[in-house]
């Protein structure tokens, strides 16, 4: 029996289900209990990053079942598959972090290959931890299939002595413990209560930042990212998402109809006003690259600069993702942006309605506690700021959410470290001075390889009470949980001969997050002399395997640290094959 709602002759799955020559293929489907009717329906890939590495992803397999039910209700045949993920909380502070950013592109690659290999017609993608969210969205845009994204949800906050605690508190407690301000027993109690459920880290760190992006950019249903992972209401969002993707197939609305320059700008606005992770400055250009849109770090940062910061979330503020959800979530945030004329309302969304039409249905207003009004923001400039200057010609990025205006300018002598381990050891031993700018280089996408996050080092500084007394710059990255004056994504990176490779201990560095400038007090002539004497990039131990391959392919942080030419070089259109 043919499903007349969809024209199978125009869908990729016809290559594996239709006509006498596909009888062997149909045999495989019958072997899995699929009926004749289901074989001739659209095939929808339901991809998850489920694994047992960390609580971020542990609930995804269950949530995928509700998405599959929605696909079935909408007249489709769901085909579930999984891909990898590397969880930053586990990978943090050691060699495992080199695998983190590389996993983003591996996720996009493996989802693409699975979809292409089996000729699936659409994609529902579920992800729960930092790099898996942009990786899944990159696959959607690369394939340009009808797509709906689902976030696995945040973790619930823990409780200790009457206050909410999250994993950020544990990272910072390590610094307090090293400084002698916390006992072994106190640390042991905190680590046992900080993470009480399934779900991703609860503050406005990278996972929740990119979850907000998924709604703002239009790939996820509005309000779907807010409910914590353990909430049963997540099943409804999965069901509705499965039904929504079938409507997108019917109307031939594809991922690149949703992800446009304007929707990317909307997403950047939401990152800025929520004080989101600096990693969005890496992931938004990467998603844009998959659509063939030129939207780099400097474009993102220009939007950050012009967007008020008005959502009071950790690490710069007081509240966690659960609180944002209870205050109305991303839709209420976007309503505030709309009031200030900072939102493109004509963008298509996963519901097949425009963003403006969706926001017209939202009745809740800002509560003034978690979500301040845009007319009365926490600060006039976004919580994340772009920097540029002779130390970072290709730009850099810093999170200023929670920092007072006078704290946003820092000048001091450099103390240079050649890798994160050197810096962390020095911090643990107090081998630095108040007023210095700690420089960690050779940690970029190619030079690391892998562009590691520096949360262990920055959290140790905060735990020692030095988060505001020193600054830190790197060609690597920072966790969304990082706070303090920490500048990441300095480009070009050291491995590509950027100025950060030429800085010496004692050079005076100025970081001005008010003007958006970062400079080193070294003359152009001296820089030229240092460059002439530079021995070249540091050789790493990673001379084979996935990390070597990544280091050979990866581009600059400014353009998203991408590993292939992107949609501008595309000749084969998957959906029209």
Protein backbone atom coordinates (compact mmCIF):
# COMPACT_ATOMS: atom_id res chain seq x y z
CA UNK A 1 0.00 0.00 0.00
CA UNK A 2 1.54 3.33 -1.09
CA UNK A 3 1.50 6.33 1.25
CA UNK A 4 0.02 9.05 -0.98
CA UNK A 5 1.10 11.91 1.27
CA UNK A 6 4.68 11.69 -0.01
CA UNK A 7 6.15 11.41 -3.50
CA UNK A 8 8.64 8.59 -3.03
CA UNK A 9 9.95 8.99 -6.58
CA UNK A 10 11.68 12.20 -5.52
CA UNK A 11 13.22 10.89 -2.29
CA UNK A 12 16.65 9.26 -1.86
CA UNK A 13 15.18 6.12 -0.26
CA UNK A 14 13.67 5.12 -3.61
CA UNK A 15 17.14 3.80 -4.48
CA UNK A 16 16.81 1.07 -1.83
CA UNK A 17 13.06 0.34 -1.79
CA UNK A 18 11.49 0.76 -5.23
CA UNK A 19 11.35 -1.51 -8.28
CA UNK A 20 12.21 -5.15 -9.05
CA UNK A 21 15.97 -4.53 -8.88
CA UNK A 22 15.66 -3.63 -5.20
CA UNK A 23 14.16 -6.96 -4.14
CA UNK A 24 17.38 -7.96 -2.31
CA UNK A 25 17.34 -4.68 -0.40
CA UNK A 26 13.70 -5.18 0.56
CA UNK A 27 14.59 -8.65 1.85
CA UNK A 28 16.80 -7.05 4.47
CA UNK A 29 13.96 -4.82 5.59
CA UNK A 30 11.54 -7.73 5.87
CA UNK A 31 14.20 -9.49 7.99
CA UNK A 32 13.91 -6.63 10.51
CA UNK A 33 10.13 -6.89 10.74
CA UNK A 34 9.34 -3.93 8.51
CA UNK A 35 6.03 -4.23 6.66
CA UNK A 36 5.48 -3.67 2.96
CA UNK A 37 3.68 -0.40 3.74
CA UNK A 38 6.57 0.82 5.88
CA UNK A 39 9.10 -0.03 3.18
CA UNK A 40 7.38 2.32 0.75
CA UNK A 41 7.18 5.21 3.21
CA UNK A 42 9.91 7.86 3.62
CA UNK A 43 12.89 6.60 5.62
CA UNK A 44 13.95 8.91 8.46
CA UNK A 45 17.32 8.54 10.12
CA UNK A 46 17.06 8.95 13.88
CA UNK A 47 20.64 9.58 14.97
CA UNK A 48 21.81 9.73 18.56
CA UNK A 49 25.12 10.29 20.30
CA UNK A 50 24.15 7.84 23.04
CA UNK A 51 26.93 6.30 25.07
CA UNK A 52 27.90 5.46 28.63
CA UNK A 53 30.76 7.95 28.84
CA UNK A 54 28.92 10.57 30.90
CA UNK A 55 25.45 11.65 32.08
CA UNK A 56 25.09 14.06 29.11
CA UNK A 57 24.25 11.30 26.68
CA UNK A 58 22.88 8.53 28.86
CA UNK A 59 19.20 9.44 28.26
CA UNK A 60 19.39 9.83 24.47
CA UNK A 61 18.55 6.24 23.53
CA UNK A 62 15.32 6.41 25.49
CA UNK A 63 14.43 9.80 24.03
CA UNK A 64 15.02 8.49 20.51
CA UNK A 65 12.13 6.06 20.98
CA UNK A 66 9.65 8.92 21.39
CA UNK A 67 11.05 10.60 18.26
CA UNK A 68 10.57 7.35 16.35
CA UNK A 69 6.96 7.20 17.52
CA UNK A 70 6.43 10.70 16.15
CA UNK A 71 7.91 9.71 12.79
CA UNK A 72 5.53 6.74 12.65
CA UNK A 73 2.55 8.92 13.51
CA UNK A 74 3.53 11.20 10.64
CA UNK A 75 3.66 8.40 8.10
CA UNK A 76 7.39 7.71 8.07
CA UNK A 77 9.66 4.75 8.78
CA UNK A 78 12.30 5.60 11.39
CA UNK A 79 15.73 3.97 11.27
CA UNK A 80 17.74 4.52 14.43
CA UNK A 81 21.54 4.68 14.45
CA UNK A 82 24.23 5.97 16.79
CA UNK A 83 27.45 7.86 16.38
CA UNK A 84 30.33 8.75 18.67
CA UNK A 85 30.72 11.55 21.14
CA UNK A 86 33.56 12.71 23.35
CA UNK A 87 32.35 14.27 26.58
CA UNK A 88 34.42 17.26 27.61
CA UNK A 89 33.82 16.86 31.33
CA UNK A 90 35.57 13.47 31.23
CA UNK A 91 38.16 14.52 28.62
CA UNK A 92 39.07 17.72 30.49
CA UNK A 93 42.53 18.33 31.90
CA UNK A 94 44.48 15.58 30.14
CA UNK A 95 45.36 14.22 26.69
CA UNK A 96 41.78 13.13 26.08
CA UNK A 97 40.77 16.74 25.41
CA UNK A 98 42.67 16.57 22.11
CA UNK A 99 39.88 14.29 20.87
CA UNK A 100 37.06 16.68 21.75
CA UNK A 101 36.92 19.16 18.88
CA UNK A 102 37.98 16.50 16.38
CA UNK A 103 34.92 14.50 17.50
CA UNK A 104 32.61 17.28 16.27
CA UNK A 105 33.74 16.75 12.70
CA UNK A 106 33.81 12.97 13.11
CA UNK A 107 30.17 13.10 14.23
CA UNK A 108 29.21 15.15 11.18
CA UNK A 109 31.18 12.79 8.93
CA UNK A 110 29.71 9.58 10.35
CA UNK A 111 26.14 10.86 10.29
CA UNK A 112 26.65 11.97 6.69
CA UNK A 113 28.09 8.59 5.69
CA UNK A 114 25.30 6.66 7.40
CA UNK A 115 22.61 8.79 5.76
CA UNK A 116 24.23 8.59 2.32
CA UNK A 117 24.99 4.88 2.56
CA UNK A 118 21.39 3.93 3.39
CA UNK A 119 19.61 6.66 1.39
CA UNK A 120 17.60 8.08 4.26
CA UNK A 121 15.25 10.93 3.35
CA UNK A 122 15.37 13.06 6.50
CA UNK A 123 17.12 13.31 9.82
CA UNK A 124 16.07 13.65 13.44
CA UNK A 125 19.27 14.15 15.44
CA UNK A 126 19.63 13.86 19.21
CA UNK A 127 22.73 15.09 21.02
CA UNK A 128 23.62 15.86 24.61
CA UNK A 129 27.19 17.09 25.05
CA UNK A 130 29.29 20.01 23.85
CA UNK A 131 30.66 18.99 20.42
CA UNK A 132 27.89 16.54 19.60
CA UNK A 133 25.34 19.36 19.25
CA UNK A 134 27.17 21.34 16.54
CA UNK A 135 28.38 18.09 14.98
CA UNK A 136 24.81 16.89 14.51
CA UNK A 137 23.64 20.27 13.19
CA UNK A 138 26.59 20.39 10.78
CA UNK A 139 25.54 17.01 9.36
CA UNK A 140 22.00 18.26 8.84
CA UNK A 141 23.16 21.32 6.92
CA UNK A 142 25.81 19.41 4.97
CA UNK A 143 23.30 16.85 3.75
CA UNK A 144 20.61 19.51 3.33
CA UNK A 145 17.83 17.08 4.18
CA UNK A 146 14.61 17.90 6.09
CA UNK A 147 15.94 17.93 9.65
CA UNK A 148 14.88 18.41 13.26
CA UNK A 149 17.35 18.63 16.13
CA UNK A 150 16.59 17.48 19.68
CA UNK A 151 18.73 18.32 22.70
CA UNK A 152 18.94 15.61 25.33
CA UNK A 153 18.37 18.12 28.13
CA UNK A 154 20.42 19.51 31.00
CA UNK A 155 21.35 17.91 34.29
CA UNK A 156 19.52 18.91 37.44
CA UNK A 157 21.58 20.99 39.88
CA UNK A 158 22.90 19.34 43.01
CA UNK A 159 22.31 20.69 46.49
CA UNK A 160 24.88 21.33 49.18
CA UNK A 161 24.30 23.37 52.34
CA UNK A 162 21.10 24.81 50.93
CA UNK A 163 22.51 26.07 47.62
CA UNK A 164 22.60 24.76 44.06
CA UNK A 165 25.92 23.29 42.97
CA UNK A 166 27.12 22.18 39.53
CA UNK A 167 30.23 20.55 38.09
CA UNK A 168 31.85 23.99 37.68
CA UNK A 169 31.94 24.17 41.50
CA UNK A 170 33.84 20.87 41.59
CA UNK A 171 36.45 22.05 39.06
CA UNK A 172 36.95 25.24 41.09
CA UNK A 173 37.04 23.25 44.32
CA UNK A 174 40.16 21.50 43.04
CA UNK A 175 41.89 24.90 43.11
CA UNK A 176 40.54 25.62 46.61
CA UNK A 177 41.74 22.22 47.77
CA UNK A 178 45.21 22.85 46.31
CA UNK A 179 45.30 26.22 48.08
CA UNK A 180 44.49 24.55 51.41
CA UNK A 181 41.05 26.12 51.67
CA UNK A 182 39.08 22.87 51.35
CA UNK A 183 39.62 19.54 53.08
CA UNK A 184 39.67 16.11 51.47
CA UNK A 185 36.34 15.33 53.12
CA UNK A 186 34.67 18.52 51.87
CA UNK A 187 35.86 17.85 48.32
CA UNK A 188 34.61 14.26 48.53
CA UNK A 189 31.15 15.41 49.63
CA UNK A 190 30.91 18.01 46.85
CA UNK A 191 31.90 15.59 44.11
CA UNK A 192 29.19 13.16 45.23
CA UNK A 193 26.29 15.64 45.10
CA UNK A 194 27.14 18.03 42.24
CA UNK A 195 25.72 15.87 39.44
CA UNK A 196 22.51 14.15 40.61
CA UNK A 197 20.89 13.09 37.32
CA UNK A 198 21.23 12.43 33.61
CA UNK A 199 21.82 15.43 31.38
CA UNK A 200 24.45 17.90 30.24
CA UNK A 201 26.19 20.44 32.49
CA UNK A 202 23.58 22.80 33.88
CA UNK A 203 25.05 26.28 33.42
CA UNK A 204 25.20 28.28 30.20
CA UNK A 205 28.21 26.28 29.15
CA UNK A 206 28.77 24.92 25.65
CA UNK A 207 26.04 22.26 25.61
CA UNK A 208 23.27 24.56 26.81
CA UNK A 209 24.59 27.41 24.68
CA UNK A 210 24.39 25.26 21.54
CA UNK A 211 20.99 23.94 22.64
CA UNK A 212 19.76 27.53 22.71
CA UNK A 213 21.37 27.98 19.28
CA UNK A 214 19.42 25.00 17.94
CA UNK A 215 16.14 26.80 18.69
CA UNK A 216 17.33 30.24 17.61
CA UNK A 217 18.74 28.96 14.33
CA UNK A 218 15.48 27.12 13.61
CA UNK A 219 16.61 23.48 13.56
CA UNK A 220 14.84 22.59 16.84
CA UNK A 221 11.24 23.14 17.84
CA UNK A 222 10.80 26.19 20.05
CA UNK A 223 11.13 25.48 23.78
CA UNK A 224 12.35 21.93 23.12
CA UNK A 225 15.82 22.47 24.58
CA UNK A 226 14.83 23.68 28.03
CA UNK A 227 13.37 20.77 29.96
CA UNK A 228 16.02 18.91 31.99
CA UNK A 229 16.93 15.41 30.82
CA UNK A 230 15.00 13.52 33.53
CA UNK A 231 11.70 15.31 32.82
CA UNK A 232 9.03 13.13 31.23
CA UNK A 233 7.96 16.13 29.13
CA UNK A 234 10.97 15.47 26.93
CA UNK A 235 9.03 12.55 25.45
CA UNK A 236 6.46 14.97 24.05
CA UNK A 237 9.17 17.06 22.38
CA UNK A 238 10.59 13.90 20.82
CA UNK A 239 7.16 12.88 19.55
CA UNK A 240 6.42 16.34 18.14
CA UNK A 241 9.87 16.51 16.53
CA UNK A 242 9.28 13.21 14.76
CA UNK A 243 5.96 14.46 13.44
CA UNK A 244 7.50 17.79 12.45
CA UNK A 245 10.17 16.20 10.27
CA UNK A 246 7.45 14.42 8.27
CA UNK A 247 5.80 17.79 7.57
CA UNK A 248 9.17 19.12 6.42
CA UNK A 249 9.50 16.19 3.99
CA UNK A 250 5.99 16.83 2.68
CA UNK A 251 6.73 20.52 2.12
CA UNK A 252 10.31 19.88 0.92
CA UNK A 253 11.74 22.25 3.56
CA UNK A 254 15.42 21.41 3.90
CA UNK A 255 18.07 22.34 6.45
CA UNK A 256 19.53 25.12 4.29
CA UNK A 257 16.09 26.66 3.94
CA UNK A 258 16.25 27.02 7.72
CA UNK A 259 19.93 27.85 8.28
CA UNK A 260 20.52 31.18 6.53
CA UNK A 261 22.68 34.20 7.20
CA UNK A 262 19.77 35.76 9.09
CA UNK A 263 19.13 32.70 11.25
CA UNK A 264 22.84 32.51 12.09
CA UNK A 265 22.66 36.13 13.21
CA UNK A 266 19.65 35.26 15.38
CA UNK A 267 21.63 32.43 16.94
CA UNK A 268 24.59 34.71 17.66
CA UNK A 269 22.22 37.19 19.35
CA UNK A 270 20.93 34.48 21.68
CA UNK A 271 24.47 33.40 22.57
CA UNK A 272 25.40 36.98 23.41
CA UNK A 273 22.35 37.90 25.48
CA UNK A 274 22.59 34.69 27.55
CA UNK A 275 26.32 35.04 28.25
CA UNK A 276 26.89 31.81 26.36
CA UNK A 277 30.03 29.82 25.71
CA UNK A 278 32.89 31.26 23.67
CA UNK A 279 32.82 27.97 21.77
CA UNK A 280 29.80 29.29 19.86
CA UNK A 281 32.32 31.52 18.10
CA UNK A 282 33.82 28.34 16.71
CA UNK A 283 30.67 26.35 16.02
CA UNK A 284 28.49 28.98 14.33
CA UNK A 285 31.08 29.58 11.56
CA UNK A 286 31.40 25.80 11.14
CA UNK A 287 27.63 25.40 10.69
CA UNK A 288 27.64 28.35 8.27
CA UNK A 289 30.45 26.70 6.31
CA UNK A 290 28.26 23.65 5.72
CA UNK A 291 25.67 25.93 4.10
CA UNK A 292 28.23 27.84 2.03
CA UNK A 293 27.67 31.02 4.07
CA UNK A 294 30.64 33.26 4.88
CA UNK A 295 30.14 33.92 8.59
CA UNK A 296 33.37 33.84 10.56
CA UNK A 297 34.48 34.61 14.11
CA UNK A 298 34.69 38.35 13.48
CA UNK A 299 31.14 38.41 12.09
CA UNK A 300 29.92 36.55 15.16
CA UNK A 301 31.77 38.89 17.50
CA UNK A 302 30.37 42.00 15.78
CA UNK A 303 26.89 40.74 16.66
CA UNK A 304 28.01 39.92 20.19
CA UNK A 305 29.20 43.52 20.59
CA UNK A 306 25.85 45.01 19.57
CA UNK A 307 23.68 42.73 21.71
CA UNK A 308 22.75 43.48 25.33
CA UNK A 309 23.39 40.80 27.94
CA UNK A 310 20.21 40.22 29.91
CA UNK A 311 19.86 36.53 30.87
CA UNK A 312 21.30 35.77 34.31
CA UNK A 313 22.90 32.34 33.90
CA UNK A 314 26.01 30.69 35.30
CA UNK A 315 28.98 30.91 35.01
CA UNK A 316 28.72 34.71 34.80
CA UNK A 317 25.37 34.88 36.58
CA UNK A 318 23.35 33.03 39.17
CA UNK A 319 21.00 30.51 37.53
CA UNK A 320 21.09 27.24 35.60
CA UNK A 321 19.27 25.78 32.60
CA UNK A 322 16.42 24.42 34.70
CA UNK A 323 15.71 27.95 35.93
CA UNK A 324 15.73 29.34 32.38
CA UNK A 325 13.23 26.66 31.37
CA UNK A 326 10.94 27.53 34.27
CA UNK A 327 11.15 31.23 33.30
CA UNK A 328 9.93 30.50 29.77
CA UNK A 329 13.10 29.44 28.01
CA UNK A 330 14.57 30.58 24.71
CA UNK A 331 11.22 31.77 23.26
CA UNK A 332 10.88 34.43 25.99
CA UNK A 333 14.50 35.44 25.44
CA UNK A 334 13.85 35.86 21.71
CA UNK A 335 10.69 37.85 22.42
CA UNK A 336 12.88 40.34 24.30
CA UNK A 337 15.33 40.50 21.40
CA UNK A 338 12.39 41.15 19.06
CA UNK A 339 11.27 44.10 21.20
CA UNK A 340 14.66 45.71 20.56
CA UNK A 341 14.52 45.02 16.82
CA UNK A 342 17.40 42.54 17.11
CA UNK A 343 15.73 39.51 15.55
CA UNK A 344 15.02 38.42 11.98
CA UNK A 345 11.45 37.15 12.24
CA UNK A 346 11.01 35.84 8.69
CA UNK A 347 13.34 32.86 9.21
CA UNK A 348 11.89 29.39 8.63
CA UNK A 349 11.87 26.97 11.59
CA UNK A 350 11.59 23.23 12.12
CA UNK A 351 7.85 23.61 12.71
CA UNK A 352 7.49 24.81 9.06
CA UNK A 353 6.33 28.16 10.48
CA UNK A 354 8.39 31.36 10.55
CA UNK A 355 10.11 32.45 13.73
CA UNK A 356 7.83 35.47 13.99
CA UNK A 357 4.73 33.28 13.69
CA UNK A 358 6.06 31.01 16.42
CA UNK A 359 6.89 33.89 18.76
CA UNK A 360 3.40 35.35 18.28
CA UNK A 361 2.10 32.24 20.06
CA UNK A 362 4.30 32.76 23.14
CA UNK A 363 2.41 34.49 25.95
CA UNK A 364 4.99 34.51 28.74
CA UNK A 365 7.13 37.55 29.47
CA UNK A 366 10.52 38.11 31.09
CA UNK A 367 10.48 37.46 34.83
CA UNK A 368 13.12 40.10 35.64
CA UNK A 369 15.07 37.57 37.69
CA UNK A 370 16.43 34.90 35.32
CA UNK A 371 15.44 36.74 32.14
CA UNK A 372 15.80 40.48 32.55
CA UNK A 373 14.04 42.75 30.07
CA UNK A 374 16.05 43.91 27.09
CA UNK A 375 15.24 47.47 28.18
CA UNK A 376 16.92 46.83 31.54
CA UNK A 377 19.85 44.54 30.70
CA UNK A 378 22.61 43.32 32.98
CA UNK A 379 25.03 45.06 30.62
CA UNK A 380 24.68 46.88 27.30
CA UNK A 381 27.17 44.63 25.51
CA UNK A 382 26.84 40.89 25.00
CA UNK A 383 28.35 38.46 27.46
CA UNK A 384 30.94 37.38 24.89
CA UNK A 385 33.27 39.85 23.15
CA UNK A 386 35.55 39.62 20.11
CA UNK A 387 39.09 41.00 20.18
CA UNK A 388 41.53 41.86 17.41
CA UNK A 389 44.97 43.44 17.25
CA UNK A 390 48.64 42.77 16.57
CA UNK A 391 48.55 39.72 18.86
CA UNK A 392 45.46 38.28 17.15
CA UNK A 393 45.10 39.54 13.55
CA UNK A 394 42.51 36.81 12.90
CA UNK A 395 40.66 37.59 16.10
CA UNK A 396 40.14 36.13 19.55
CA UNK A 397 37.22 35.80 21.92
CA UNK A 398 36.56 36.39 25.62
CA UNK A 399 33.55 35.90 27.89
CA UNK A 400 32.86 39.01 29.96
CA UNK A 401 29.49 38.02 31.44
CA UNK A 402 29.57 38.81 35.13
CA UNK A 403 32.61 41.11 34.84
CA UNK A 404 32.32 44.75 35.87
CA UNK A 405 33.20 47.39 33.28
CA UNK A 406 36.45 48.30 35.04
CA UNK A 407 37.52 44.64 35.05
CA UNK A 408 37.38 44.40 31.26
CA UNK A 409 40.77 46.02 30.63
CA UNK A 410 43.97 44.25 31.69
CA UNK A 411 47.63 45.07 31.09
CA UNK A 412 50.50 42.97 32.34
CA UNK A 413 53.72 41.13 31.50
CA UNK A 414 53.45 37.81 29.70
CA UNK A 415 54.41 34.52 31.28
CA UNK A 416 54.66 32.07 28.39
CA UNK A 417 53.99 28.33 28.51
CA UNK A 418 54.39 25.97 25.56
CA UNK A 419 51.39 23.76 26.45
CA UNK A 420 48.56 23.43 28.97
CA UNK A 421 50.35 20.89 31.18
CA UNK A 422 53.19 23.37 31.80
CA UNK A 423 50.73 26.08 32.73
CA UNK A 424 48.61 23.87 35.00
CA UNK A 425 51.68 22.64 36.88
CA UNK A 426 52.85 26.23 37.38
CA UNK A 427 49.42 27.30 38.62
CA UNK A 428 49.26 24.39 41.05
CA UNK A 429 52.66 25.42 42.43
CA UNK A 430 51.80 29.16 42.39
CA UNK A 431 54.56 29.65 39.83
CA UNK A 432 53.11 32.90 38.56
CA UNK A 433 52.60 36.44 39.85
CA UNK A 434 49.55 38.58 40.34
CA UNK A 435 49.11 40.99 37.43
CA UNK A 436 50.61 38.67 34.81
CA UNK A 437 49.12 37.52 31.52
CA UNK A 438 49.52 33.75 31.29
CA UNK A 439 50.10 32.71 27.66
CA UNK A 440 49.44 29.11 26.66
CA UNK A 441 50.38 28.39 23.05
CA UNK A 442 50.66 25.39 20.72
CA UNK A 443 47.12 24.38 21.68
CA UNK A 444 45.32 25.44 18.47
CA UNK A 445 43.34 23.13 16.18
CA UNK A 446 46.40 22.04 14.18
CA UNK A 447 49.16 22.63 16.71
CA UNK A 448 47.61 20.87 19.68
CA UNK A 449 46.37 19.02 17.84
CA UNK A 450 42.74 19.37 18.79
CA UNK A 451 42.38 22.84 20.35
CA UNK A 452 41.98 21.71 23.93
CA UNK A 453 39.88 23.52 26.52
CA UNK A 454 41.68 24.96 29.54
CA UNK A 455 39.06 24.54 32.27
CA UNK A 456 41.37 22.75 34.68
CA UNK A 457 43.83 25.65 34.58
CA UNK A 458 41.25 28.43 34.69
CA UNK A 459 39.23 26.72 37.41
CA UNK A 460 42.39 26.26 39.47
CA UNK A 461 43.10 29.98 39.15
CA UNK A 462 39.55 30.82 40.24
CA UNK A 463 39.79 28.37 43.11
CA UNK A 464 42.96 30.12 44.29
CA UNK A 465 41.12 33.45 44.24
CA UNK A 466 43.25 34.68 41.34
CA UNK A 467 40.63 34.64 38.57
CA UNK A 468 40.47 38.44 38.47
CA UNK A 469 44.12 39.07 39.34
CA UNK A 470 45.68 37.46 36.29
CA UNK A 471 44.60 37.12 32.66
CA UNK A 472 45.09 34.12 30.41
CA UNK A 473 45.33 33.93 26.62
CA UNK A 474 45.64 30.90 24.36
CA UNK A 475 45.29 29.68 20.80
CA UNK A 476 43.30 26.86 22.35
CA UNK A 477 39.79 27.06 23.76
CA UNK A 478 38.00 27.57 27.03
CA UNK A 479 35.15 25.61 28.50
CA UNK A 480 31.76 27.26 28.62
CA UNK A 481 32.21 26.98 32.40
CA UNK A 482 35.33 29.17 32.36
CA UNK A 483 35.17 32.51 34.11
CA UNK A 484 37.74 35.22 34.67
CA UNK A 485 39.66 37.22 32.06
CA UNK A 486 40.40 34.35 29.69
CA UNK A 487 40.97 34.94 25.97
CA UNK A 488 40.73 32.00 23.57
CA UNK A 489 40.86 31.25 19.84
CA UNK A 490 43.85 33.61 19.37
CA UNK A 491 44.55 33.45 15.67
CA UNK A 492 46.50 32.68 13.65
CA UNK A 493 47.53 29.92 16.02
CA UNK A 494 51.17 29.30 16.94
CA UNK A 495 51.44 26.30 14.60
CA UNK A 496 50.54 28.59 11.69
CA UNK A 497 53.13 31.19 12.67
CA UNK A 498 50.75 33.61 14.37
CA UNK A 499 52.12 36.35 16.65
CA UNK A 500 51.32 34.24 19.71
CA UNK A 501 54.20 31.97 18.61
CA UNK A 502 56.60 34.92 18.90
CA UNK A 503 55.62 36.34 22.30
CA UNK A 504 58.28 36.15 25.02
CA UNK A 505 57.96 36.11 28.79
CA UNK A 506 58.01 39.72 29.97
CA UNK A 507 56.37 41.24 26.87
CA UNK A 508 53.61 43.60 27.98
CA UNK A 509 50.16 42.53 26.76
CA UNK A 510 47.02 44.66 26.86
CA UNK A 511 43.55 43.16 26.62
CA UNK A 512 40.73 45.68 26.20
CA UNK A 513 37.33 44.00 26.10
CA UNK A 514 35.63 47.41 26.02
CA UNK A 515 37.27 48.50 22.76
CA UNK A 516 37.67 44.92 21.47
CA UNK A 517 41.46 45.05 21.22
CA UNK A 518 44.34 42.74 22.14
CA UNK A 519 47.94 43.82 21.62
CA UNK A 520 51.51 43.14 22.63
CA UNK A 521 53.93 46.02 23.13
CA UNK A 522 56.48 44.83 20.57
CA UNK A 523 57.45 46.86 17.52
CA UNK A 524 56.75 45.52 14.01
CA UNK A 525 60.52 45.45 13.41
CA UNK A 526 61.12 43.31 16.50
CA UNK A 527 58.26 40.99 15.49
CA UNK A 528 59.83 40.60 12.03
CA UNK A 529 63.17 39.74 13.60
CA UNK A 530 61.56 37.16 15.89
CA UNK A 531 59.69 35.65 12.96
CA UNK A 532 62.90 35.31 10.98
CA UNK A 533 64.47 33.48 13.92
CA UNK A 534 61.40 31.31 14.66
CA UNK A 535 62.31 27.62 14.33
CA UNK A 536 58.86 26.70 13.04
CA UNK A 537 55.92 24.87 14.59
CA UNK A 538 56.43 22.49 17.45
CA UNK A 539 56.36 18.85 16.38
CA UNK A 540 53.82 16.86 18.36
CA UNK A 541 53.82 13.19 19.26
CA UNK A 542 50.70 12.67 17.15
CA UNK A 543 52.22 11.53 13.85
CA UNK A 544 49.61 8.90 12.93
CA UNK A 545 45.98 8.08 13.48
CA UNK A 546 42.90 10.27 13.73
CA UNK A 547 44.57 13.21 15.45
CA UNK A 548 47.33 13.37 12.83
CA UNK A 549 44.71 13.28 10.09
CA UNK A 550 42.78 16.04 11.84
CA UNK A 551 45.88 18.22 12.21
CA UNK A 552 46.55 17.95 8.48
CA UNK A 553 43.00 18.88 7.45
CA UNK A 554 41.84 21.43 10.01
CA UNK A 555 41.63 25.11 9.14
CA UNK A 556 41.74 28.26 11.25
CA UNK A 557 39.63 28.90 14.33
CA UNK A 558 38.41 32.11 12.71
CA UNK A 559 36.51 30.08 10.12
CA UNK A 560 35.31 27.42 12.55
CA UNK A 561 38.21 24.92 12.50
CA UNK A 562 36.59 23.03 9.63
CA UNK A 563 38.07 20.05 7.81
CA UNK A 564 36.62 20.17 4.28
CA UNK A 565 35.87 22.79 1.59
CA UNK A 566 32.19 23.15 2.50
CA UNK A 567 29.09 23.82 0.44
CA UNK A 568 30.76 26.35 -1.87
CA UNK A 569 32.70 23.46 -3.44
CA UNK A 570 29.72 21.11 -3.53
CA UNK A 571 28.76 19.48 -6.84
CA UNK A 572 26.75 16.46 -5.72
CA UNK A 573 23.39 17.30 -4.11
CA UNK A 574 22.37 14.36 -1.94
CA UNK A 575 18.62 15.02 -1.83
CA UNK A 576 18.39 15.42 -5.61
CA UNK A 577 20.43 12.35 -6.58
